[in-house]
Structures are given as structure tokens and as C-alpha cells.
Amino acid sequence: PKAEECKNLLVPICLSSSHVAYSSIRMEPVYMQLGQAAATAAA
């Protein structure tokens, strides 16, 4: 998120994307890889 809104939250599925880009990103293997990235960043 924007830093002024939240500093310790990551969002691998409902990510920051336009409707057009999301229509491609929205596949499960991509969500899964973004989940790994989010957890790595949190750690």
C-alpha cells in the first residue's frame, strides 16, 4: 500500500493493478509466486 495508509501489510492477490493488467496477472501460479515474494519481504 501507500506508506501513509499502512506500513506492514502486503497484498499478493488484490494487488495494485488496473482491470486490464489484472485480467492477465490473476492466474493462480502468479498469485502463488507473489505470495512467496510478499512473505520474503515481510521477513
Full PDB file with SEQRES, HELIX, SHEET, SSBOND, CRYST1, ORIGX, SCALE, CONECT and MASTER records, all heavy atoms in Angstrom:
SEQRES   1 A   43  PRO LYS ALA GLU GLU CYS LYS ASN LEU LEU VAL PRO ILE          
SEQRES   2 A   43  CYS LEU SER SER SER HIS VAL ALA TYR SER SER ILE ARG          
SEQRES   3 A   43  MET GLU PRO VAL TYR MET GLN LEU GLY GLN ALA ALA ALA          
SEQRES   4 A   43  THR ALA ALA ALA                                              
HELIX    1 AA1 HIS A   19  ILE A   25  1                                   7    
HELIX    2 AA2 GLU A   28  ALA A   42  1                                  15    
CRYST1    1.000    1.000    1.000  90.00  90.00  90.00 P 1           1          
ORIGX1      1.000000  0.000000  0.000000        0.00000                         
ORIGX2      0.000000  1.000000  0.000000        0.00000                         
ORIGX3      0.000000  0.000000  1.000000        0.00000                         
SCALE1      1.000000  0.000000  0.000000        0.00000                         
SCALE2      0.000000  1.000000  0.000000        0.00000                         
SCALE3      0.000000  0.000000  1.000000        0.00000                         
ATOM      1  N   PRO A   1       0.829  -1.205   0.000  1.00  0.00           N  
ATOM      2  CA  PRO A   1       0.000   0.000   0.000  1.00  0.00           C  
ATOM      3  C   PRO A   1       0.865   1.258   0.000  1.00  0.00           C  
ATOM      4  O   PRO A   1       2.085   1.199   0.176  1.00  0.00           O  
ATOM      5  CB  PRO A   1      -0.777  -0.106   1.321  1.00  0.00           C  
ATOM      6  CG  PRO A   1      -0.526  -1.483   1.857  1.00  0.00           C  
ATOM      7  CD  PRO A   1       0.780  -1.916   1.282  1.00  0.00           C  
ATOM      8  N   LYS A   2       0.219   2.370  -0.148  1.00  0.00           N  
ATOM      9  CA  LYS A   2       0.890   3.637   0.057  1.00  0.00           C  
ATOM     10  C   LYS A   2       1.343   3.720   1.515  1.00  0.00           C  
ATOM     11  O   LYS A   2       0.628   3.301   2.422  1.00  0.00           O  
ATOM     12  CB  LYS A   2      -0.045   4.789  -0.268  1.00  0.00           C  
ATOM     13  CG  LYS A   2      -0.507   4.821  -1.724  1.00  0.00           C  
ATOM     14  CD  LYS A   2      -1.597   5.855  -1.939  1.00  0.00           C  
ATOM     15  CE  LYS A   2      -2.113   5.807  -3.375  1.00  0.00           C  
ATOM     16  NZ  LYS A   2      -3.254   6.728  -3.582  1.00  0.00           N  
ATOM     17  N   ALA A   3       2.523   4.269   1.749  1.00  0.00           N  
ATOM     18  CA  ALA A   3       3.097   4.282   3.097  1.00  0.00           C  
ATOM     19  C   ALA A   3       2.208   5.006   4.093  1.00  0.00           C  
ATOM     20  O   ALA A   3       2.127   4.615   5.267  1.00  0.00           O  
ATOM     21  CB  ALA A   3       4.482   4.920   3.072  1.00  0.00           C  
ATOM     22  N   GLU A   4       1.508   6.019   3.647  1.00  0.00           N  
ATOM     23  CA  GLU A   4       0.655   6.771   4.570  1.00  0.00           C  
ATOM     24  C   GLU A   4      -0.602   6.003   4.961  1.00  0.00           C  
ATOM     25  O   GLU A   4      -1.317   6.397   5.892  1.00  0.00           O  
ATOM     26  CB  GLU A   4       0.270   8.130   3.971  1.00  0.00           C  
ATOM     27  CG  GLU A   4      -0.537   8.063   2.694  1.00  0.00           C  
ATOM     28  CD  GLU A   4       0.316   8.072   1.433  1.00  0.00           C  
ATOM     29  OE1 GLU A   4       1.504   7.690   1.520  1.00  0.00           O  
ATOM     30  OE2 GLU A   4      -0.213   8.462   0.372  1.00  0.00           O  
ATOM     31  N   GLU A   5      -0.886   4.916   4.266  1.00  0.00           N  
ATOM     32  CA  GLU A   5      -2.095   4.134   4.565  1.00  0.00           C  
ATOM     33  C   GLU A   5      -1.808   2.909   5.436  1.00  0.00           C  
ATOM     34  O   GLU A   5      -2.599   2.574   6.319  1.00  0.00           O  
ATOM     35  CB  GLU A   5      -2.772   3.703   3.261  1.00  0.00           C  
ATOM     36  CG  GLU A   5      -3.326   4.873   2.481  1.00  0.00           C  
ATOM     37  CD  GLU A   5      -4.050   4.469   1.212  1.00  0.00           C  
ATOM     38  OE1 GLU A   5      -3.853   3.328   0.729  1.00  0.00           O  
ATOM     39  OE2 GLU A   5      -4.803   5.300   0.682  1.00  0.00           O  
ATOM     40  N   CYS A   6      -0.719   2.221   5.191  1.00  0.00           N  
ATOM     41  CA  CYS A   6      -0.360   1.067   6.022  1.00  0.00           C  
ATOM     42  C   CYS A   6       1.080   0.673   5.733  1.00  0.00           C  
ATOM     43  O   CYS A   6       1.495   0.618   4.575  1.00  0.00           O  
ATOM     44  CB  CYS A   6      -1.286  -0.121   5.755  1.00  0.00           C  
ATOM     45  SG  CYS A   6      -1.152  -1.437   6.983  1.00  0.00           S  
ATOM     46  N   LYS A   7       1.825   0.361   6.803  1.00  0.00           N  
ATOM     47  CA  LYS A   7       3.260   0.118   6.661  1.00  0.00           C  
ATOM     48  C   LYS A   7       3.660  -1.343   6.822  1.00  0.00           C  
ATOM     49  O   LYS A   7       4.826  -1.685   6.584  1.00  0.00           O  
ATOM     50  CB  LYS A   7       4.025   0.961   7.684  1.00  0.00           C  
ATOM     51  CG  LYS A   7       3.946   2.468   7.458  1.00  0.00           C  
ATOM     52  CD  LYS A   7       4.752   3.218   8.499  1.00  0.00           C  
ATOM     53  CE  LYS A   7       4.872   4.702   8.162  1.00  0.00           C  
ATOM     54  NZ  LYS A   7       3.566   5.381   8.183  1.00  0.00           N  
ATOM     55  N   ASN A   8       2.745  -2.217   7.244  1.00  0.00           N  
ATOM     56  CA  ASN A   8       3.139  -3.608   7.467  1.00  0.00           C  
ATOM     57  C   ASN A   8       2.148  -4.601   6.879  1.00  0.00           C  
ATOM     58  O   ASN A   8       1.899  -5.662   7.426  1.00  0.00           O  
ATOM     59  CB  ASN A   8       3.348  -3.888   8.962  1.00  0.00           C  
ATOM     60  CG  ASN A   8       2.067  -3.747   9.781  1.00  0.00           C  
ATOM     61  OD1 ASN A   8       1.141  -3.044   9.383  1.00  0.00           O  
ATOM     62  ND2 ASN A   8       2.027  -4.416  10.931  1.00  0.00           N  
ATOM     63  N   LEU A   9       1.591  -4.242   5.738  1.00  0.00           N  
ATOM     64  CA  LEU A   9       0.649  -5.104   5.028  1.00  0.00           C  
ATOM     65  C   LEU A   9       1.135  -5.325   3.610  1.00  0.00           C  
ATOM     66  O   LEU A   9       1.585  -4.382   2.945  1.00  0.00           O  
ATOM     67  CB  LEU A   9      -0.745  -4.463   5.005  1.00  0.00           C  
ATOM     68  CG  LEU A   9      -1.823  -5.201   4.200  1.00  0.00           C  
ATOM     69  CD1 LEU A   9      -2.193  -6.530   4.873  1.00  0.00           C  
ATOM     70  CD2 LEU A   9      -3.064  -4.323   4.028  1.00  0.00           C  
ATOM     71  N   LEU A  10       1.043  -6.571   3.147  1.00  0.00           N  
ATOM     72  CA  LEU A  10       1.351  -6.915   1.753  1.00  0.00           C  
ATOM     73  C   LEU A  10       0.143  -7.628   1.162  1.00  0.00           C  
ATOM     74  O   LEU A  10      -0.549  -8.395   1.857  1.00  0.00           O  
ATOM     75  CB  LEU A  10       2.599  -7.779   1.656  1.00  0.00           C  
ATOM     76  CG  LEU A  10       3.873  -7.095   2.165  1.00  0.00           C  
ATOM     77  CD1 LEU A  10       4.308  -7.714   3.478  1.00  0.00           C  
ATOM     78  CD2 LEU A  10       5.005  -7.166   1.139  1.00  0.00           C  
ATOM     79  N   VAL A  11      -0.089  -7.409  -0.143  1.00  0.00           N  
ATOM     80  CA  VAL A  11      -1.318  -7.881  -0.788  1.00  0.00           C  
ATOM     81  C   VAL A  11      -0.966  -8.559  -2.112  1.00  0.00           C  
ATOM     82  O   VAL A  11      -0.843  -7.897  -3.144  1.00  0.00           O  
ATOM     83  CB  VAL A  11      -2.291  -6.710  -1.027  1.00  0.00           C  
ATOM     84  CG1 VAL A  11      -3.624  -7.223  -1.558  1.00  0.00           C  
ATOM     85  CG2 VAL A  11      -2.508  -5.901   0.257  1.00  0.00           C  
ATOM     86  N   PRO A  12      -0.788  -9.891  -2.116  1.00  0.00           N  
ATOM     87  CA  PRO A  12      -0.361 -10.575  -3.342  1.00  0.00           C  
ATOM     88  C   PRO A  12      -1.479 -10.924  -4.317  1.00  0.00           C  
ATOM     89  O   PRO A  12      -1.195 -11.236  -5.471  1.00  0.00           O  
ATOM     90  CB  PRO A  12       0.285 -11.852  -2.800  1.00  0.00           C  
ATOM     91  CG  PRO A  12      -0.439 -12.115  -1.516  1.00  0.00           C  
ATOM     92  CD  PRO A  12      -0.744 -10.762  -0.945  1.00  0.00           C  
ATOM     93  N   ILE A  13      -2.750 -10.887  -3.884  1.00  0.00           N  
ATOM     94  CA  ILE A  13      -3.859 -11.223  -4.790  1.00  0.00           C  
ATOM     95  C   ILE A  13      -4.582  -9.968  -5.253  1.00  0.00           C  
ATOM     96  O   ILE A  13      -4.667  -9.696  -6.451  1.00  0.00           O  
ATOM     97  CB  ILE A  13      -4.833 -12.218  -4.131  1.00  0.00           C  
ATOM     98  CG1 ILE A  13      -4.155 -13.576  -3.958  1.00  0.00           C  
ATOM     99  CG2 ILE A  13      -6.104 -12.367  -4.979  1.00  0.00           C  
ATOM    100  CD1 ILE A  13      -5.037 -14.644  -3.349  1.00  0.00           C  
ATOM    101  N   CYS A  14      -5.124  -9.199  -4.332  1.00  0.00           N  
ATOM    102  CA  CYS A  14      -5.825  -7.953  -4.685  1.00  0.00           C  
ATOM    103  C   CYS A  14      -4.817  -6.829  -4.846  1.00  0.00           C  
ATOM    104  O   CYS A  14      -4.965  -5.739  -4.285  1.00  0.00           O  
ATOM    105  CB  CYS A  14      -6.869  -7.629  -3.629  1.00  0.00           C  
ATOM    106  SG  CYS A  14      -8.175  -8.865  -3.485  1.00  0.00           S  
ATOM    107  N   LEU A  15      -3.806  -7.068  -5.641  1.00  0.00           N  
ATOM    108  CA  LEU A  15      -2.679  -6.150  -5.766  1.00  0.00           C  
ATOM    109  C   LEU A  15      -3.047  -4.891  -6.539  1.00  0.00           C  
ATOM    110  O   LEU A  15      -4.142  -4.786  -7.106  1.00  0.00           O  
ATOM    111  CB  LEU A  15      -1.500  -6.858  -6.422  1.00  0.00           C  
ATOM    112  CG  LEU A  15      -1.596  -7.197  -7.911  1.00  0.00           C  
ATOM    113  CD1 LEU A  15      -0.203  -7.409  -8.488  1.00  0.00           C  
ATOM    114  CD2 LEU A  15      -2.449  -8.445  -8.156  1.00  0.00           C  
ATOM    115  N   SER A  16      -2.121  -3.970  -6.582  1.00  0.00           N  
ATOM    116  CA  SER A  16      -2.330  -2.670  -7.228  1.00  0.00           C  
ATOM    117  C   SER A  16      -2.204  -2.840  -8.740  1.00  0.00           C  
ATOM    118  O   SER A  16      -1.105  -2.965  -9.282  1.00  0.00           O  
ATOM    119  CB  SER A  16      -1.302  -1.661  -6.706  1.00  0.00           C  
ATOM    120  OG  SER A  16      -1.500  -0.396  -7.259  1.00  0.00           O  
ATOM    121  N   SER A  17      -3.350  -2.825  -9.402  1.00  0.00           N  
ATOM    122  CA  SER A  17      -3.380  -3.128 -10.832  1.00  0.00           C  
ATOM    123  C   SER A  17      -4.646  -2.563 -11.436  1.00  0.00           C  
ATOM    124  O   SER A  17      -5.699  -2.525 -10.801  1.00  0.00           O  
ATOM    125  CB  SER A  17      -3.347  -4.648 -11.036  1.00  0.00           C  
ATOM    126  OG  SER A  17      -3.639  -4.989 -12.373  1.00  0.00           O  
ATOM    127  N   SER A  18      -4.551  -2.152 -12.676  1.00  0.00           N  
ATOM    128  CA  SER A  18      -5.761  -1.790 -13.409  1.00  0.00           C  
ATOM    129  C   SER A  18      -6.521  -3.058 -13.771  1.00  0.00           C  
ATOM    130  O   SER A  18      -5.980  -4.168 -13.728  1.00  0.00           O  
ATOM    131  CB  SER A  18      -5.413  -1.015 -14.679  1.00  0.00           C  
ATOM    132  OG  SER A  18      -4.883  -1.885 -15.676  1.00  0.00           O  
ATOM    133  N   HIS A  19      -7.773  -2.881 -14.149  1.00  0.00           N  
ATOM    134  CA  HIS A  19      -8.582  -4.023 -14.570  1.00  0.00           C  
ATOM    135  C   HIS A  19      -7.935  -4.763 -15.734  1.00  0.00           C  
ATOM    136  O   HIS A  19      -7.931  -5.999 -15.774  1.00  0.00           O  
ATOM    137  CB  HIS A  19      -9.982  -3.535 -14.963  1.00  0.00           C  
ATOM    138  CG  HIS A  19     -10.765  -4.500 -15.785  1.00  0.00           C  
ATOM    139  ND1 HIS A  19     -11.288  -5.675 -15.275  1.00  0.00           N  
ATOM    140  CD2 HIS A  19     -11.108  -4.483 -17.108  1.00  0.00           C  
ATOM    141  CE1 HIS A  19     -11.924  -6.328 -16.236  1.00  0.00           C  
ATOM    142  NE2 HIS A  19     -11.826  -5.631 -17.349  1.00  0.00           N  
ATOM    143  N   VAL A  20      -7.364  -4.028 -16.669  1.00  0.00           N  
ATOM    144  CA  VAL A  20      -6.766  -4.667 -17.852  1.00  0.00           C  
ATOM    145  C   VAL A  20      -5.582  -5.529 -17.443  1.00  0.00           C  
ATOM    146  O   VAL A  20      -5.503  -6.716 -17.795  1.00  0.00           O  
ATOM    147  CB  VAL A  20      -6.326  -3.612 -18.883  1.00  0.00           C  
ATOM    148  CG1 VAL A  20      -5.678  -4.293 -20.089  1.00  0.00           C  
ATOM    149  CG2 VAL A  20      -7.515  -2.785 -19.332  1.00  0.00           C  
ATOM    150  N   ALA A  21      -4.650  -4.969 -16.694  1.00  0.00           N  
ATOM    151  CA  ALA A  21      -3.476  -5.737 -16.285  1.00  0.00           C  
ATOM    152  C   ALA A  21      -3.877  -6.916 -15.413  1.00  0.00           C  
ATOM    153  O   ALA A  21      -3.316  -8.017 -15.530  1.00  0.00           O  
ATOM    154  CB  ALA A  21      -2.500  -4.832 -15.536  1.00  0.00           C  
ATOM    155  N   TYR A  22      -4.857  -6.714 -14.562  1.00  0.00           N  
ATOM    156  CA  TYR A  22      -5.284  -7.783 -13.649  1.00  0.00           C  
ATOM    157  C   TYR A  22      -5.849  -8.969 -14.411  1.00  0.00           C  
ATOM    158  O   TYR A  22      -5.746 -10.122 -13.952  1.00  0.00           O  
ATOM    159  CB  TYR A  22      -6.336  -7.244 -12.675  1.00  0.00           C  
ATOM    160  CG  TYR A  22      -6.531  -8.115 -11.457  1.00  0.00           C  
ATOM    161  CD1 TYR A  22      -5.691  -7.990 -10.357  1.00  0.00           C  
ATOM    162  CD2 TYR A  22      -7.546  -9.062 -11.405  1.00  0.00           C  
ATOM    163  CE1 TYR A  22      -5.859  -8.790  -9.242  1.00  0.00           C  
ATOM    164  CE2 TYR A  22      -7.718  -9.863 -10.299  1.00  0.00           C  
ATOM    165  CZ  TYR A  22      -6.872  -9.725  -9.218  1.00  0.00           C  
ATOM    166  OH  TYR A  22      -7.034 -10.529  -8.116  1.00  0.00           O  
ATOM    167  N   SER A  23      -6.415  -8.734 -15.580  1.00  0.00           N  
ATOM    168  CA  SER A  23      -7.006  -9.834 -16.348  1.00  0.00           C  
ATOM    169  C   SER A  23      -5.952 -10.839 -16.792  1.00  0.00           C  
ATOM    170  O   SER A  23      -6.271 -11.987 -17.109  1.00  0.00           O  
ATOM    171  CB  SER A  23      -7.761  -9.293 -17.566  1.00  0.00           C  
ATOM    172  OG  SER A  23      -6.869  -8.812 -18.560  1.00  0.00           O  
ATOM    173  N   SER A  24      -4.692 -10.440 -16.771  1.00  0.00           N  
ATOM    174  CA  SER A  24      -3.594 -11.353 -17.071  1.00  0.00           C  
ATOM    175  C   SER A  24      -2.898 -11.850 -15.807  1.00  0.00           C  
ATOM    176  O   SER A  24      -2.584 -13.040 -15.681  1.00  0.00           O  
ATOM    177  CB  SER A  24      -2.567 -10.642 -17.968  1.00  0.00           C  
ATOM    178  OG  SER A  24      -1.368 -11.384 -18.069  1.00  0.00           O  
ATOM    179  N   ILE A  25      -2.695 -10.954 -14.868  1.00  0.00           N  
ATOM    180  CA  ILE A  25      -1.978 -11.308 -13.634  1.00  0.00           C  
ATOM    181  C   ILE A  25      -2.732 -12.336 -12.822  1.00  0.00           C  
ATOM    182  O   ILE A  25      -2.140 -13.150 -12.102  1.00  0.00           O  
ATOM    183  CB  ILE A  25      -1.737 -10.032 -12.789  1.00  0.00           C  
ATOM    184  CG1 ILE A  25      -0.791  -9.076 -13.520  1.00  0.00           C  
ATOM    185  CG2 ILE A  25      -1.160 -10.377 -11.415  1.00  0.00           C  
ATOM    186  CD1 ILE A  25      -0.707  -7.689 -12.881  1.00  0.00           C  
ATOM    187  N   ARG A  26      -4.062 -12.387 -12.921  1.00  0.00           N  
ATOM    188  CA  ARG A  26      -4.942 -13.063 -11.971  1.00  0.00           C  
ATOM    189  C   ARG A  26      -4.885 -14.598 -11.981  1.00  0.00           C  
ATOM    190  O   ARG A  26      -5.813 -15.251 -11.502  1.00  0.00           O  
ATOM    191  CB  ARG A  26      -6.387 -12.642 -12.238  1.00  0.00           C  
ATOM    192  CG  ARG A  26      -6.909 -13.108 -13.606  1.00  0.00           C  
ATOM    193  CD  ARG A  26      -8.385 -12.774 -13.816  1.00  0.00           C  
ATOM    194  NE  ARG A  26      -8.866 -13.304 -15.075  1.00  0.00           N  
ATOM    195  CZ  ARG A  26      -9.296 -14.543 -15.253  1.00  0.00           C  
ATOM    196  NH1 ARG A  26      -9.300 -15.389 -14.235  1.00  0.00           N  
ATOM    197  NH2 ARG A  26      -9.709 -14.954 -16.432  1.00  0.00           N  
ATOM    198  N   MET A  27      -3.831 -15.190 -12.451  1.00  0.00           N  
ATOM    199  CA  MET A  27      -3.740 -16.643 -12.510  1.00  0.00           C  
ATOM    200  C   MET A  27      -3.081 -17.199 -11.245  1.00  0.00           C  
ATOM    201  O   MET A  27      -2.178 -16.583 -10.669  1.00  0.00           O  
ATOM    202  CB  MET A  27      -2.963 -17.074 -13.756  1.00  0.00           C  
ATOM    203  CG  MET A  27      -3.527 -16.487 -15.039  1.00  0.00           C  
ATOM    204  SD  MET A  27      -5.296 -16.845 -15.276  1.00  0.00           S  
ATOM    205  CE  MET A  27      -5.798 -15.580 -16.415  1.00  0.00           C  
ATOM    206  N   GLU A  28      -3.519 -18.378 -10.824  1.00  0.00           N  
ATOM    207  CA  GLU A  28      -3.091 -18.935  -9.546  1.00  0.00           C  
ATOM    208  C   GLU A  28      -1.573 -19.091  -9.414  1.00  0.00           C  
ATOM    209  O   GLU A  28      -1.016 -18.756  -8.362  1.00  0.00           O  
ATOM    210  CB  GLU A  28      -3.790 -20.269  -9.284  1.00  0.00           C  
ATOM    211  CG  GLU A  28      -5.282 -20.142  -9.020  1.00  0.00           C  
ATOM    212  CD  GLU A  28      -5.622 -19.458  -7.703  1.00  0.00           C  
ATOM    213  OE1 GLU A  28      -4.810 -19.547  -6.755  1.00  0.00           O  
ATOM    214  OE2 GLU A  28      -6.695 -18.840  -7.613  1.00  0.00           O  
ATOM    215  N   PRO A  29      -0.843 -19.589 -10.425  1.00  0.00           N  
ATOM    216  CA  PRO A  29       0.611 -19.685 -10.249  1.00  0.00           C  
ATOM    217  C   PRO A  29       1.270 -18.324 -10.014  1.00  0.00           C  
ATOM    218  O   PRO A  29       2.278 -18.242  -9.297  1.00  0.00           O  
ATOM    219  CB  PRO A  29       1.088 -20.315 -11.565  1.00  0.00           C  
ATOM    220  CG  PRO A  29      -0.097 -21.039 -12.089  1.00  0.00           C  
ATOM    221  CD  PRO A  29      -1.274 -20.206 -11.702  1.00  0.00           C  
ATOM    222  N   VAL A  30       0.711 -17.263 -10.592  1.00  0.00           N  
ATOM    223  CA  VAL A  30       1.248 -15.922 -10.360  1.00  0.00           C  
ATOM    224  C   VAL A  30       0.946 -15.486  -8.933  1.00  0.00           C  
ATOM    225  O   VAL A  30       1.828 -14.992  -8.215  1.00  0.00           O  
ATOM    226  CB  VAL A  30       0.672 -14.914 -11.374  1.00  0.00           C  
ATOM    227  CG1 VAL A  30       1.226 -13.515 -11.119  1.00  0.00           C  
ATOM    228  CG2 VAL A  30       0.974 -15.349 -12.799  1.00  0.00           C  
ATOM    229  N   TYR A  31      -0.312 -15.666  -8.501  1.00  0.00           N  
ATOM    230  CA  TYR A  31      -0.648 -15.360  -7.110  1.00  0.00           C  
ATOM    231  C   TYR A  31       0.317 -16.065  -6.153  1.00  0.00           C  
ATOM    232  O   TYR A  31       0.771 -15.493  -5.165  1.00  0.00           O  
ATOM    233  CB  TYR A  31      -2.054 -15.851  -6.782  1.00  0.00           C  
ATOM    234  CG  TYR A  31      -3.212 -15.105  -7.382  1.00  0.00           C  
ATOM    235  CD1 TYR A  31      -4.461 -15.730  -7.484  1.00  0.00           C  
ATOM    236  CD2 TYR A  31      -3.118 -13.783  -7.810  1.00  0.00           C  
ATOM    237  CE1 TYR A  31      -5.567 -15.072  -7.995  1.00  0.00           C  
ATOM    238  CE2 TYR A  31      -4.220 -13.118  -8.323  1.00  0.00           C  
ATOM    239  CZ  TYR A  31      -5.446 -13.771  -8.421  1.00  0.00           C  
ATOM    240  OH  TYR A  31      -6.545 -13.123  -8.919  1.00  0.00           O  
ATOM    241  N   MET A  32       0.601 -17.330  -6.421  1.00  0.00           N  
ATOM    242  CA  MET A  32       1.449 -18.117  -5.527  1.00  0.00           C  
ATOM    243  C   MET A  32       2.860 -17.546  -5.463  1.00  0.00           C  
ATOM    244  O   MET A  32       3.453 -17.420  -4.384  1.00  0.00           O  
ATOM    245  CB  MET A  32       1.452 -19.575  -5.989  1.00  0.00           C  
ATOM    246  CG  MET A  32       0.092 -20.258  -5.846  1.00  0.00           C  
ATOM    247  SD  MET A  32      -0.063 -21.781  -6.816  1.00  0.00           S  
ATOM    248  CE  MET A  32       0.905 -22.914  -5.822  1.00  0.00           C  
ATOM    249  N   GLN A  33       3.404 -17.195  -6.615  1.00  0.00           N  
ATOM    250  CA  GLN A  33       4.747 -16.606  -6.629  1.00  0.00           C  
ATOM    251  C   GLN A  33       4.771 -15.246  -5.936  1.00  0.00           C  
ATOM    252  O   GLN A  33       5.737 -14.914  -5.239  1.00  0.00           O  
ATOM    253  CB  GLN A  33       5.229 -16.491  -8.072  1.00  0.00           C  
ATOM    254  CG  GLN A  33       5.470 -17.849  -8.722  1.00  0.00           C  
ATOM    255  CD  GLN A  33       5.779 -17.733 -10.199  1.00  0.00           C  
ATOM    256  OE1 GLN A  33       6.939 -17.714 -10.601  1.00  0.00           O  
ATOM    257  NE2 GLN A  33       4.754 -17.638 -11.028  1.00  0.00           N  
ATOM    258  N   LEU A  34       3.713 -14.486  -6.098  1.00  0.00           N  
ATOM    259  CA  LEU A  34       3.633 -13.197  -5.405  1.00  0.00           C  
ATOM    260  C   LEU A  34       3.460 -13.398  -3.903  1.00  0.00           C  
ATOM    261  O   LEU A  34       3.933 -12.584  -3.101  1.00  0.00           O  
ATOM    262  CB  LEU A  34       2.495 -12.354  -5.979  1.00  0.00           C  
ATOM    263  CG  LEU A  34       2.619 -11.980  -7.460  1.00  0.00           C  
ATOM    264  CD1 LEU A  34       1.443 -11.116  -7.893  1.00  0.00           C  
ATOM    265  CD2 LEU A  34       3.941 -11.276  -7.754  1.00  0.00           C  
ATOM    266  N   GLY A  35       2.799 -14.487  -3.517  1.00  0.00           N  
ATOM    267  CA  GLY A  35       2.706 -14.815  -2.099  1.00  0.00           C  
ATOM    268  C   GLY A  35       4.079 -15.087  -1.501  1.00  0.00           C  
ATOM    269  O   GLY A  35       4.398 -14.635  -0.389  1.00  0.00           O  
ATOM    270  N   GLN A  36       4.919 -15.818  -2.223  1.00  0.00           N  
ATOM    271  CA  GLN A  36       6.281 -16.065  -1.755  1.00  0.00           C  
ATOM    272  C   GLN A  36       7.056 -14.759  -1.643  1.00  0.00           C  
ATOM    273  O   GLN A  36       7.781 -14.530  -0.662  1.00  0.00           O  
ATOM    274  CB  GLN A  36       7.010 -17.021  -2.695  1.00  0.00           C  
ATOM    275  CG  GLN A  36       8.442 -17.304  -2.250  1.00  0.00           C  
ATOM    276  CD  GLN A  36       9.104 -18.421  -3.052  1.00  0.00           C  
ATOM    277  OE1 GLN A  36       8.461 -19.123  -3.821  1.00  0.00           O  
ATOM    278  NE2 GLN A  36      10.409 -18.595  -2.855  1.00  0.00           N  
ATOM    279  N   ALA A  37       6.895 -13.886  -2.628  1.00  0.00           N  
ATOM    280  CA  ALA A  37       7.600 -12.607  -2.597  1.00  0.00           C  
ATOM    281  C   ALA A  37       7.145 -11.757  -1.409  1.00  0.00           C  
ATOM    282  O   ALA A  37       7.964 -11.118  -0.735  1.00  0.00           O  
ATOM    283  CB  ALA A  37       7.367 -11.858  -3.905  1.00  0.00           C  
ATOM    284  N   ALA A  38       5.841 -11.752  -1.148  1.00  0.00           N  
ATOM    285  CA  ALA A  38       5.307 -10.963  -0.040  1.00  0.00           C  
ATOM    286  C   ALA A  38       5.858 -11.454   1.294  1.00  0.00           C  
ATOM    287  O   ALA A  38       6.257 -10.655   2.155  1.00  0.00           O  
ATOM    288  CB  ALA A  38       3.780 -11.019  -0.046  1.00  0.00           C  
ATOM    289  N   ALA A  39       5.883 -12.776   1.492  1.00  0.00           N  
ATOM    290  CA  ALA A  39       6.401 -13.334   2.740  1.00  0.00           C  
ATOM    291  C   ALA A  39       7.891 -13.057   2.900  1.00  0.00           C  
ATOM    292  O   ALA A  39       8.371 -12.787   4.005  1.00  0.00           O  
ATOM    293  CB  ALA A  39       6.128 -14.834   2.786  1.00  0.00           C  
ATOM    294  N   THR A  40       8.621 -13.131   1.817  1.00  0.00           N  
ATOM    295  CA  THR A  40      10.053 -12.844   1.861  1.00  0.00           C  
ATOM    296  C   THR A  40      10.289 -11.390   2.270  1.00  0.00           C  
ATOM    297  O   THR A  40      11.142 -11.103   3.119  1.00  0.00           O  
ATOM    298  CB  THR A  40      10.694 -13.118   0.484  1.00  0.00           C  
ATOM    299  OG1 THR A  40      10.428 -14.473   0.101  1.00  0.00           O  
ATOM    300  CG2 THR A  40      12.189 -12.887   0.525  1.00  0.00           C  
ATOM    301  N   ALA A  41       9.523 -10.492   1.687  1.00  0.00           N  
ATOM    302  CA  ALA A  41       9.665  -9.074   2.040  1.00  0.00           C  
ATOM    303  C   ALA A  41       9.308  -8.834   3.502  1.00  0.00           C  
ATOM    304  O   ALA A  41       9.975  -8.051   4.195  1.00  0.00           O  
ATOM    305  CB  ALA A  41       8.771  -8.227   1.137  1.00  0.00           C  
ATOM    306  N   ALA A  42       8.275  -9.513   3.984  1.00  0.00           N  
ATOM    307  CA  ALA A  42       7.876  -9.359   5.386  1.00  0.00           C  
ATOM    308  C   ALA A  42       8.996  -9.810   6.314  1.00  0.00           C  
ATOM    309  O   ALA A  42       9.312  -9.143   7.311  1.00  0.00           O  
ATOM    310  CB  ALA A  42       6.603 -10.151   5.654  1.00  0.00           C  
ATOM    311  N   ALA A  43       9.605 -10.949   5.998  1.00  0.00           N  
ATOM    312  CA  ALA A  43      10.696 -11.460   6.832  1.00  0.00           C  
ATOM    313  C   ALA A  43      11.891 -10.520   6.817  1.00  0.00           C  
ATOM    314  O   ALA A  43      12.532 -10.276   7.853  1.00  0.00           O  
ATOM    315  CB  ALA A  43      11.104 -12.850   6.347  1.00  0.00           C  
TER     316      ALA A  43                                                      
MASTER        0    0    0    2    0    0    0    6  315    1    0    4          
END                                                                             
